[in-house]
Amino acid sequence: MPQTRFVTTLALFETFPRSVTRIASEPTDEPPTTFLKKLSAQHKFEDAITFCAYLLPRREAIWWACGCVRALLGDIAASRAGPIIAAEAWVYDPDDEHRRTALEIGKQGDSNDPLSWLALGAGWSGGALLAHPQLLVPVPAYMTPRAARTAILLSARIFKPEQYTARMQACIVDGIKLAETGL
């Protein structure tokens, strides 16, 4: 079953106008995966990663980002794997306890570490951004995809241009497959 939430590319742009403004290509009425494939073919990898992160539902976006980060970084030392383990635990069982655990781990992490962003993305998948007795502010919908995007792009920065293209294309292919078939 497809996991995309949008029938057209334009619908995604309209839903997240501020978040996807950096995508240089104009939105169209074509299916989102067609648009995503075009971005990849044009080597607009940052745009494609951004678009895919917003295209997928939150849970799928974090699952996809975890897979990309694991593929990009290779072996992750056990001493620093806590954030990705927490994010994956939330994907497997997306309850509030796993979400809060991931959020706490992500908050304690380094903002330059892609693994911290995975945990934050899972943590921002629901709940409240601000909880005050008189005011409950839900987490904005853009925060999980933004964290997924950030995790992938931070992981990819270690590659030389000749490696970067193949690695980014592989991530985008995985995102398209997830969008078309689901978890």
N, C-alpha and C. Protein backbone atom coordinates (compact mmCIF):
# COMPACT_ATOMS: atom_id res chain seq x y z
N MET A 1 0.85 -1.18 0.00
CA MET A 1 0.00 0.00 0.00
C MET A 1 0.89 1.24 0.00
N PRO A 2 0.67 2.16 -0.93
CA PRO A 2 1.49 3.37 -0.97
C PRO A 2 1.42 4.16 0.33
N GLN A 3 2.55 4.76 0.70
CA GLN A 3 2.62 5.48 1.96
C GLN A 3 2.65 6.99 1.78
N THR A 4 2.49 7.46 0.55
CA THR A 4 2.50 8.90 0.34
C THR A 4 1.18 9.50 0.80
N ARG A 5 1.27 10.70 1.28
CA ARG A 5 0.08 11.39 1.76
C ARG A 5 -0.46 12.37 0.73
N PHE A 6 0.21 12.47 -0.40
CA PHE A 6 -0.12 13.49 -1.38
C PHE A 6 -0.31 12.88 -2.75
N VAL A 7 -1.33 13.33 -3.45
CA VAL A 7 -1.61 12.82 -4.80
C VAL A 7 -0.74 13.54 -5.82
N THR A 8 -0.47 14.82 -5.56
CA THR A 8 0.35 15.60 -6.49
C THR A 8 1.50 16.26 -5.74
N THR A 9 2.47 16.65 -6.52
CA THR A 9 3.61 17.39 -5.97
C THR A 9 3.14 18.73 -5.41
N LEU A 10 2.24 19.36 -6.12
CA LEU A 10 1.70 20.65 -5.70
C LEU A 10 1.05 20.55 -4.32
N ALA A 11 0.36 19.46 -4.04
CA ALA A 11 -0.29 19.29 -2.73
C ALA A 11 0.72 19.28 -1.60
N LEU A 12 1.86 18.65 -1.82
CA LEU A 12 2.91 18.66 -0.79
C LEU A 12 3.44 20.07 -0.57
N PHE A 13 3.72 20.77 -1.66
CA PHE A 13 4.22 22.15 -1.55
C PHE A 13 3.22 23.05 -0.82
N GLU A 14 1.94 22.83 -1.07
CA GLU A 14 0.92 23.64 -0.41
C GLU A 14 0.80 23.31 1.07
N THR A 15 1.05 22.06 1.44
CA THR A 15 0.96 21.64 2.83
C THR A 15 2.14 22.14 3.65
N PHE A 16 3.32 22.16 3.05
CA PHE A 16 4.54 22.57 3.75
C PHE A 16 5.21 23.73 3.00
N PRO A 17 4.54 24.86 2.87
CA PRO A 17 5.10 25.94 2.03
C PRO A 17 6.44 26.49 2.50
N ARG A 18 6.63 26.61 3.78
CA ARG A 18 7.90 27.16 4.28
C ARG A 18 9.01 26.13 4.27
N SER A 19 8.66 24.88 4.45
CA SER A 19 9.66 23.83 4.59
C SER A 19 10.29 23.42 3.27
N VAL A 20 9.56 23.52 2.19
CA VAL A 20 10.09 23.08 0.90
C VAL A 20 10.44 24.25 -0.02
N THR A 21 10.52 25.44 0.52
CA THR A 21 10.80 26.62 -0.31
C THR A 21 12.19 26.57 -0.93
N ARG A 22 13.08 25.83 -0.35
CA ARG A 22 14.44 25.75 -0.91
C ARG A 22 14.53 24.83 -2.11
N ILE A 23 13.50 24.05 -2.37
CA ILE A 23 13.50 23.19 -3.54
C ILE A 23 13.36 24.09 -4.77
N ALA A 24 14.35 24.02 -5.64
CA ALA A 24 14.42 24.94 -6.77
C ALA A 24 13.39 24.64 -7.85
N SER A 25 12.97 23.41 -7.98
CA SER A 25 12.01 23.04 -9.03
C SER A 25 10.61 23.46 -8.64
N GLU A 26 9.86 23.90 -9.62
CA GLU A 26 8.48 24.32 -9.39
C GLU A 26 7.59 23.09 -9.19
N PRO A 27 6.64 23.16 -8.27
CA PRO A 27 5.72 22.04 -8.09
C PRO A 27 4.81 21.87 -9.30
N THR A 28 4.39 20.63 -9.50
CA THR A 28 3.53 20.32 -10.64
C THR A 28 2.35 19.47 -10.16
N ASP A 29 1.52 19.10 -11.09
CA ASP A 29 0.40 18.21 -10.78
C ASP A 29 0.77 16.74 -10.97
N GLU A 30 2.04 16.46 -11.22
CA GLU A 30 2.45 15.08 -11.42
C GLU A 30 2.54 14.34 -10.08
N PRO A 31 2.52 13.02 -10.11
CA PRO A 31 2.64 12.25 -8.87
C PRO A 31 3.97 12.56 -8.17
N PRO A 32 3.97 12.57 -6.85
CA PRO A 32 5.18 12.92 -6.11
C PRO A 32 6.39 12.04 -6.42
N THR A 33 6.19 10.74 -6.62
CA THR A 33 7.36 9.89 -6.90
C THR A 33 7.95 10.19 -8.27
N THR A 34 7.14 10.62 -9.22
CA THR A 34 7.65 11.03 -10.53
C THR A 34 8.53 12.27 -10.37
N PHE A 35 8.05 13.22 -9.59
CA PHE A 35 8.81 14.44 -9.30
C PHE A 35 10.13 14.10 -8.60
N LEU A 36 10.07 13.20 -7.66
CA LEU A 36 11.25 12.78 -6.91
C LEU A 36 12.27 12.12 -7.83
N LYS A 37 11.82 11.27 -8.72
CA LYS A 37 12.72 10.63 -9.69
C LYS A 37 13.39 11.66 -10.59
N LYS A 38 12.65 12.69 -10.98
CA LYS A 38 13.22 13.74 -11.82
C LYS A 38 14.30 14.53 -11.06
N LEU A 39 14.03 14.84 -9.80
CA LEU A 39 15.03 15.55 -9.00
C LEU A 39 16.32 14.73 -8.92
N SER A 40 16.18 13.45 -8.69
CA SER A 40 17.36 12.58 -8.60
C SER A 40 18.10 12.50 -9.94
N ALA A 41 17.36 12.35 -11.03
CA ALA A 41 17.98 12.26 -12.35
C ALA A 41 18.73 13.55 -12.70
N GLN A 42 18.26 14.67 -12.17
CA GLN A 42 18.92 15.96 -12.40
C GLN A 42 20.03 16.24 -11.39
N HIS A 43 20.30 15.26 -10.53
CA HIS A 43 21.32 15.36 -9.48
C HIS A 43 21.03 16.49 -8.49
N LYS A 44 19.77 16.75 -8.26
CA LYS A 44 19.35 17.71 -7.25
C LYS A 44 19.07 16.93 -5.97
N PHE A 45 20.15 16.39 -5.40
CA PHE A 45 20.00 15.43 -4.32
C PHE A 45 19.48 16.03 -3.02
N GLU A 46 19.93 17.20 -2.66
CA GLU A 46 19.41 17.82 -1.44
C GLU A 46 17.92 18.11 -1.59
N ASP A 47 17.51 18.57 -2.76
CA ASP A 47 16.08 18.79 -3.00
C ASP A 47 15.31 17.49 -2.92
N ALA A 48 15.87 16.43 -3.49
CA ALA A 48 15.18 15.13 -3.49
C ALA A 48 15.08 14.57 -2.07
N ILE A 49 16.13 14.70 -1.28
CA ILE A 49 16.09 14.22 0.11
C ILE A 49 15.04 15.02 0.88
N THR A 50 15.03 16.32 0.70
CA THR A 50 14.05 17.17 1.38
C THR A 50 12.64 16.77 0.97
N PHE A 51 12.39 16.66 -0.31
CA PHE A 51 11.06 16.33 -0.80
C PHE A 51 10.60 14.97 -0.27
N CYS A 52 11.49 13.99 -0.29
CA CYS A 52 11.12 12.65 0.17
C CYS A 52 10.81 12.64 1.66
N ALA A 53 11.57 13.37 2.44
CA ALA A 53 11.32 13.42 3.89
C ALA A 53 9.93 13.96 4.20
N TYR A 54 9.48 14.92 3.43
CA TYR A 54 8.14 15.50 3.63
C TYR A 54 7.05 14.66 2.96
N LEU A 55 7.41 13.91 1.96
CA LEU A 55 6.45 13.07 1.26
C LEU A 55 5.97 11.89 2.12
N LEU A 56 6.91 11.29 2.83
CA LEU A 56 6.58 10.10 3.63
C LEU A 56 5.88 10.48 4.93
N PRO A 57 4.98 9.63 5.41
CA PRO A 57 4.44 9.83 6.76
C PRO A 57 5.60 9.81 7.77
N ARG A 58 5.37 10.35 8.94
CA ARG A 58 6.45 10.51 9.93
C ARG A 58 7.18 9.21 10.25
N ARG A 59 6.44 8.17 10.53
CA ARG A 59 7.06 6.90 10.89
C ARG A 59 7.94 6.37 9.75
N GLU A 60 7.42 6.41 8.55
CA GLU A 60 8.17 5.95 7.39
C GLU A 60 9.38 6.84 7.11
N ALA A 61 9.22 8.14 7.34
CA ALA A 61 10.34 9.07 7.13
C ALA A 61 11.50 8.75 8.07
N ILE A 62 11.19 8.43 9.32
CA ILE A 62 12.26 8.09 10.27
C ILE A 62 12.86 6.73 9.92
N TRP A 63 12.04 5.78 9.54
CA TRP A 63 12.56 4.47 9.13
C TRP A 63 13.52 4.64 7.95
N TRP A 64 13.10 5.41 6.96
CA TRP A 64 13.92 5.67 5.78
C TRP A 64 15.22 6.37 6.18
N ALA A 65 15.12 7.39 7.02
CA ALA A 65 16.31 8.12 7.43
C ALA A 65 17.28 7.22 8.21
N CYS A 66 16.75 6.36 9.07
CA CYS A 66 17.61 5.43 9.81
C CYS A 66 18.37 4.52 8.85
N GLY A 67 17.67 4.01 7.86
CA GLY A 67 18.32 3.14 6.87
C GLY A 67 19.38 3.87 6.08
N CYS A 68 19.08 5.09 5.67
CA CYS A 68 20.06 5.88 4.92
C CYS A 68 21.27 6.20 5.77
N VAL A 69 21.05 6.61 7.00
CA VAL A 69 22.16 6.96 7.89
C VAL A 69 23.03 5.72 8.14
N ARG A 70 22.42 4.59 8.38
CA ARG A 70 23.21 3.35 8.58
C ARG A 70 24.03 3.04 7.33
N ALA A 71 23.43 3.18 6.15
CA ALA A 71 24.15 2.90 4.91
C ALA A 71 25.28 3.91 4.67
N LEU A 72 25.03 5.16 5.00
CA LEU A 72 26.02 6.21 4.76
C LEU A 72 27.18 6.15 5.76
N LEU A 73 26.87 5.90 7.02
CA LEU A 73 27.91 5.91 8.05
C LEU A 73 28.62 4.57 8.21
N GLY A 74 28.00 3.50 7.79
CA GLY A 74 28.59 2.18 7.99
C GLY A 74 28.45 1.76 9.45
N ASP A 75 29.43 1.07 9.96
CA ASP A 75 29.38 0.59 11.34
C ASP A 75 29.29 1.77 12.31
N ILE A 76 28.35 1.68 13.22
CA ILE A 76 28.17 2.71 14.24
C ILE A 76 28.59 2.10 15.57
N ALA A 77 29.53 2.73 16.22
CA ALA A 77 30.03 2.23 17.50
C ALA A 77 28.89 2.14 18.51
N ALA A 78 28.90 1.09 19.28
CA ALA A 78 27.86 0.88 20.29
C ALA A 78 27.76 2.06 21.25
N SER A 79 28.87 2.71 21.50
CA SER A 79 28.90 3.84 22.44
C SER A 79 28.13 5.05 21.93
N ARG A 80 27.88 5.12 20.63
CA ARG A 80 27.13 6.27 20.11
C ARG A 80 25.84 5.87 19.41
N ALA A 81 25.45 4.60 19.49
CA ALA A 81 24.28 4.09 18.78
C ALA A 81 22.95 4.34 19.48
N GLY A 82 22.96 4.84 20.70
CA GLY A 82 21.72 5.05 21.46
C GLY A 82 20.64 5.81 20.71
N PRO A 83 20.97 6.91 20.05
CA PRO A 83 19.92 7.67 19.36
C PRO A 83 19.25 6.90 18.21
N ILE A 84 20.04 6.20 17.42
CA ILE A 84 19.43 5.46 16.30
C ILE A 84 18.64 4.26 16.81
N ILE A 85 19.11 3.66 17.87
CA ILE A 85 18.37 2.54 18.48
C ILE A 85 17.03 3.03 19.02
N ALA A 86 17.03 4.20 19.64
CA ALA A 86 15.78 4.77 20.17
C ALA A 86 14.82 5.12 19.03
N ALA A 87 15.35 5.68 17.95
CA ALA A 87 14.50 6.03 16.80
C ALA A 87 13.91 4.77 16.18
N GLU A 88 14.71 3.74 16.02
CA GLU A 88 14.22 2.50 15.45
C GLU A 88 13.21 1.81 16.37
N ALA A 89 13.44 1.89 17.67
CA ALA A 89 12.49 1.31 18.63
C ALA A 89 11.13 1.99 18.48
N TRP A 90 11.12 3.30 18.28
CA TRP A 90 9.86 4.02 18.06
C TRP A 90 9.20 3.57 16.75
N VAL A 91 9.99 3.35 15.70
CA VAL A 91 9.42 2.89 14.43
C VAL A 91 8.75 1.54 14.63
N TYR A 92 9.41 0.62 15.32
CA TYR A 92 8.85 -0.71 15.54
C TYR A 92 7.61 -0.68 16.43
N ASP A 93 7.60 0.22 17.40
CA ASP A 93 6.48 0.34 18.33
C ASP A 93 6.24 1.81 18.61
N PRO A 94 5.48 2.50 17.74
CA PRO A 94 5.34 3.95 17.83
C PRO A 94 4.40 4.43 18.94
N ASP A 95 4.69 4.00 20.15
CA ASP A 95 3.88 4.46 21.28
C ASP A 95 4.53 5.68 21.91
N ASP A 96 3.82 6.29 22.84
CA ASP A 96 4.30 7.53 23.44
C ASP A 96 5.54 7.33 24.29
N GLU A 97 5.68 6.19 24.92
CA GLU A 97 6.86 5.92 25.74
C GLU A 97 8.13 5.89 24.87
N HIS A 98 8.06 5.20 23.76
CA HIS A 98 9.22 5.17 22.85
C HIS A 98 9.50 6.56 22.27
N ARG A 99 8.44 7.28 21.96
CA ARG A 99 8.61 8.64 21.42
C ARG A 99 9.30 9.54 22.43
N ARG A 100 8.85 9.50 23.69
CA ARG A 100 9.46 10.35 24.72
C ARG A 100 10.90 9.94 25.00
N THR A 101 11.18 8.65 24.99
CA THR A 101 12.56 8.18 25.20
C THR A 101 13.46 8.71 24.08
N ALA A 102 13.00 8.57 22.85
CA ALA A 102 13.79 9.07 21.73
C ALA A 102 14.01 10.58 21.84
N LEU A 103 12.98 11.31 22.22
CA LEU A 103 13.10 12.75 22.35
C LEU A 103 14.14 13.13 23.40
N GLU A 104 14.11 12.48 24.54
CA GLU A 104 15.10 12.78 25.59
C GLU A 104 16.52 12.47 25.14
N ILE A 105 16.70 11.36 24.46
CA ILE A 105 18.03 11.00 23.96
C ILE A 105 18.48 12.02 22.91
N GLY A 106 17.57 12.39 22.03
CA GLY A 106 17.90 13.38 21.01
C GLY A 106 18.26 14.73 21.59
N LYS A 107 17.54 15.16 22.60
CA LYS A 107 17.82 16.46 23.24
C LYS A 107 19.20 16.49 23.88
N GLN A 108 19.66 15.34 24.38
CA GLN A 108 20.96 15.26 25.04
C GLN A 108 22.11 15.13 24.04
N GLY A 109 21.78 14.91 22.77
CA GLY A 109 22.81 14.67 21.76
C GLY A 109 23.42 15.93 21.21
N ASP A 110 24.35 15.73 20.33
CA ASP A 110 25.08 16.79 19.65
C ASP A 110 24.33 17.17 18.38
N SER A 111 24.09 18.44 18.18
CA SER A 111 23.32 18.88 17.01
C SER A 111 24.08 18.68 15.69
N ASN A 112 25.35 18.35 15.76
CA ASN A 112 26.12 18.05 14.56
C ASN A 112 26.17 16.55 14.27
N ASP A 113 25.53 15.76 15.11
CA ASP A 113 25.54 14.31 14.96
C ASP A 113 24.23 13.86 14.31
N PRO A 114 24.31 13.23 13.14
CA PRO A 114 23.08 12.80 12.48
C PRO A 114 22.25 11.83 13.32
N LEU A 115 22.88 11.07 14.19
CA LEU A 115 22.14 10.12 15.03
C LEU A 115 21.21 10.85 15.99
N SER A 116 21.66 11.98 16.51
CA SER A 116 20.81 12.78 17.39
C SER A 116 19.56 13.26 16.66
N TRP A 117 19.71 13.61 15.40
CA TRP A 117 18.57 14.08 14.62
C TRP A 117 17.55 12.98 14.37
N LEU A 118 18.02 11.74 14.27
CA LEU A 118 17.08 10.62 14.12
C LEU A 118 16.21 10.49 15.36
N ALA A 119 16.85 10.56 16.53
CA ALA A 119 16.10 10.46 17.78
C ALA A 119 15.14 11.65 17.93
N LEU A 120 15.60 12.83 17.58
CA LEU A 120 14.72 14.00 17.65
C LEU A 120 13.53 13.84 16.71
N GLY A 121 13.78 13.35 15.51
CA GLY A 121 12.69 13.15 14.55
C GLY A 121 11.62 12.22 15.08
N ALA A 122 12.05 11.12 15.70
CA ALA A 122 11.08 10.20 16.31
C ALA A 122 10.37 10.90 17.47
N GLY A 123 11.13 11.63 18.27
CA GLY A 123 10.56 12.33 19.42
C GLY A 123 9.57 13.41 19.04
N TRP A 124 9.78 14.02 17.90
CA TRP A 124 8.89 15.09 17.44
C TRP A 124 7.71 14.56 16.63
N SER A 125 7.50 13.27 16.62
CA SER A 125 6.43 12.68 15.81
C SER A 125 5.04 12.89 16.41
N GLY A 126 4.97 13.43 17.59
CA GLY A 126 3.69 13.66 18.24
C GLY A 126 3.91 14.36 19.57
N GLY A 127 2.89 14.38 20.37
CA GLY A 127 3.02 15.00 21.69
C GLY A 127 2.99 16.51 21.60
N ALA A 128 3.53 17.13 22.63
CA ALA A 128 3.49 18.59 22.72
C ALA A 128 4.89 19.17 22.63
N LEU A 129 5.00 20.25 21.90
CA LEU A 129 6.25 20.99 21.82
C LEU A 129 6.41 21.81 23.09
N LEU A 130 5.30 22.32 23.55
CA LEU A 130 5.27 23.12 24.77
C LEU A 130 4.04 22.69 25.56
N ALA A 131 4.27 22.27 26.77
CA ALA A 131 3.15 21.86 27.62
C ALA A 131 3.11 22.79 28.83
N HIS A 132 2.10 23.57 28.89
CA HIS A 132 1.88 24.50 29.99
C HIS A 132 0.45 24.25 30.46
N PRO A 133 0.18 24.39 31.75
CA PRO A 133 -1.17 24.12 32.23
C PRO A 133 -2.28 24.85 31.46
N GLN A 134 -1.99 26.02 30.96
CA GLN A 134 -3.01 26.78 30.25
C GLN A 134 -2.85 26.75 28.73
N LEU A 135 -1.76 26.16 28.26
CA LEU A 135 -1.50 26.17 26.83
C LEU A 135 -0.74 24.91 26.43
N LEU A 136 -1.32 24.15 25.52
CA LEU A 136 -0.68 22.96 24.98
C LEU A 136 -0.40 23.22 23.51
N VAL A 137 0.88 23.23 23.14
CA VAL A 137 1.28 23.48 21.77
C VAL A 137 1.75 22.17 21.16
N PRO A 138 0.99 21.61 20.21
CA PRO A 138 1.41 20.36 19.60
C PRO A 138 2.67 20.56 18.74
N VAL A 139 3.42 19.48 18.58
CA VAL A 139 4.62 19.53 17.75
C VAL A 139 4.18 19.80 16.30
N PRO A 140 4.76 20.80 15.66
CA PRO A 140 4.41 21.08 14.27
C PRO A 140 4.76 19.90 13.35
N ALA A 141 3.96 19.67 12.34
CA ALA A 141 4.12 18.53 11.45
C ALA A 141 5.43 18.54 10.68
N TYR A 142 6.05 19.70 10.51
CA TYR A 142 7.28 19.77 9.72
C TYR A 142 8.52 19.29 10.48
N MET A 143 8.44 19.15 11.79
CA MET A 143 9.66 18.88 12.57
C MET A 143 10.24 17.48 12.34
N THR A 144 9.41 16.47 12.22
CA THR A 144 9.94 15.12 11.97
C THR A 144 10.61 15.03 10.60
N PRO A 145 9.96 15.47 9.52
CA PRO A 145 10.66 15.39 8.23
C PRO A 145 11.92 16.26 8.17
N ARG A 146 11.89 17.39 8.85
CA ARG A 146 13.09 18.25 8.86
C ARG A 146 14.24 17.52 9.57
N ALA A 147 13.94 16.82 10.64
CA ALA A 147 14.98 16.07 11.35
C ALA A 147 15.50 14.91 10.50
N ALA A 148 14.60 14.21 9.80
CA ALA A 148 15.01 13.11 8.92
C ALA A 148 15.94 13.63 7.83
N ARG A 149 15.57 14.72 7.21
CA ARG A 149 16.38 15.35 6.17
C ARG A 149 17.76 15.74 6.70
N THR A 150 17.77 16.36 7.86
CA THR A 150 19.03 16.81 8.45
C THR A 150 19.94 15.64 8.75
N ALA A 151 19.39 14.56 9.29
CA ALA A 151 20.20 13.37 9.62
C ALA A 151 20.87 12.82 8.37
N ILE A 152 20.12 12.72 7.29
CA ILE A 152 20.69 12.16 6.05
C ILE A 152 21.75 13.08 5.48
N LEU A 153 21.46 14.36 5.39
CA LEU A 153 22.42 15.29 4.80
C LEU A 153 23.69 15.43 5.64
N LEU A 154 23.56 15.38 6.96
CA LEU A 154 24.76 15.40 7.81
C LEU A 154 25.60 14.14 7.59
N SER A 155 24.95 13.02 7.41
CA SER A 155 25.67 11.76 7.18
C SER A 155 26.39 11.76 5.84
N ALA A 156 25.82 12.41 4.86
CA ALA A 156 26.38 12.40 3.50
C ALA A 156 27.54 13.36 3.32
N ARG A 157 27.73 14.26 4.25
CA ARG A 157 28.77 15.29 4.06
C ARG A 157 30.19 14.72 4.08
N ILE A 158 30.37 13.49 4.49
CA ILE A 158 31.71 12.91 4.57
C ILE A 158 32.22 12.39 3.23
N PHE A 159 31.34 12.33 2.22
CA PHE A 159 31.71 11.71 0.96
C PHE A 159 32.26 12.71 -0.03
N LYS A 160 33.21 12.22 -0.83
CA LYS A 160 33.75 13.01 -1.93
C LYS A 160 32.71 13.00 -3.05
N PRO A 161 32.79 13.98 -3.96
CA PRO A 161 31.77 14.09 -5.01
C PRO A 161 31.54 12.80 -5.79
N GLU A 162 32.57 12.06 -6.08
CA GLU A 162 32.39 10.84 -6.87
C GLU A 162 31.64 9.75 -6.09
N GLN A 163 31.69 9.79 -4.78
CA GLN A 163 30.95 8.83 -3.95
C GLN A 163 29.56 9.36 -3.60
N TYR A 164 29.47 10.65 -3.47
CA TYR A 164 28.24 11.30 -3.03
C TYR A 164 27.06 10.97 -3.95
N THR A 165 27.27 11.05 -5.26
CA THR A 165 26.19 10.82 -6.21
C THR A 165 25.57 9.45 -6.03
N ALA A 166 26.37 8.41 -6.02
CA ALA A 166 25.84 7.05 -5.88
C ALA A 166 25.15 6.85 -4.54
N ARG A 167 25.73 7.40 -3.49
CA ARG A 167 25.13 7.25 -2.15
C ARG A 167 23.79 7.95 -2.05
N MET A 168 23.71 9.17 -2.58
CA MET A 168 22.44 9.90 -2.53
C MET A 168 21.39 9.23 -3.40
N GLN A 169 21.78 8.76 -4.59
CA GLN A 169 20.82 8.09 -5.45
C GLN A 169 20.26 6.84 -4.77
N ALA A 170 21.11 6.11 -4.05
CA ALA A 170 20.65 4.91 -3.34
C ALA A 170 19.62 5.28 -2.26
N CYS A 171 19.88 6.36 -1.54
CA CYS A 171 18.92 6.80 -0.51
C CYS A 171 17.59 7.19 -1.15
N ILE A 172 17.65 7.87 -2.25
CA ILE A 172 16.43 8.33 -2.92
C ILE A 172 15.65 7.13 -3.48
N VAL A 173 16.35 6.17 -4.04
CA VAL A 173 15.68 4.95 -4.53
C VAL A 173 14.96 4.25 -3.38
N ASP A 174 15.62 4.17 -2.22
CA ASP A 174 14.99 3.56 -1.05
C ASP A 174 13.75 4.35 -0.61
N GLY A 175 13.83 5.67 -0.66
CA GLY A 175 12.68 6.50 -0.30
C GLY A 175 11.52 6.32 -1.27
N ILE A 176 11.82 6.22 -2.55
CA ILE A 176 10.78 6.02 -3.56
C ILE A 176 10.12 4.66 -3.34
N LYS A 177 10.92 3.65 -3.09
CA LYS A 177 10.37 2.30 -2.85
C LYS A 177 9.45 2.30 -1.63
N LEU A 178 9.88 2.98 -0.58
CA LEU A 178 9.06 3.06 0.63
C LEU A 178 7.76 3.83 0.35
N ALA A 179 7.86 4.91 -0.43
CA ALA A 179 6.67 5.69 -0.78
C ALA A 179 5.70 4.86 -1.61
N GLU A 180 6.22 3.99 -2.45
CA GLU A 180 5.36 3.21 -3.35
C GLU A 180 4.79 1.95 -2.69
N THR A 181 5.53 1.37 -1.75
CA THR A 181 5.11 0.07 -1.21
C THR A 181 4.84 0.08 0.29
N GLY A 182 5.35 1.04 1.01
CA GLY A 182 5.16 1.10 2.46
C GLY A 182 6.14 0.24 3.22
N LEU A 183 6.00 0.25 4.53
CA LEU A 183 6.90 -0.52 5.41
C LEU A 183 6.69 -1.99 5.24
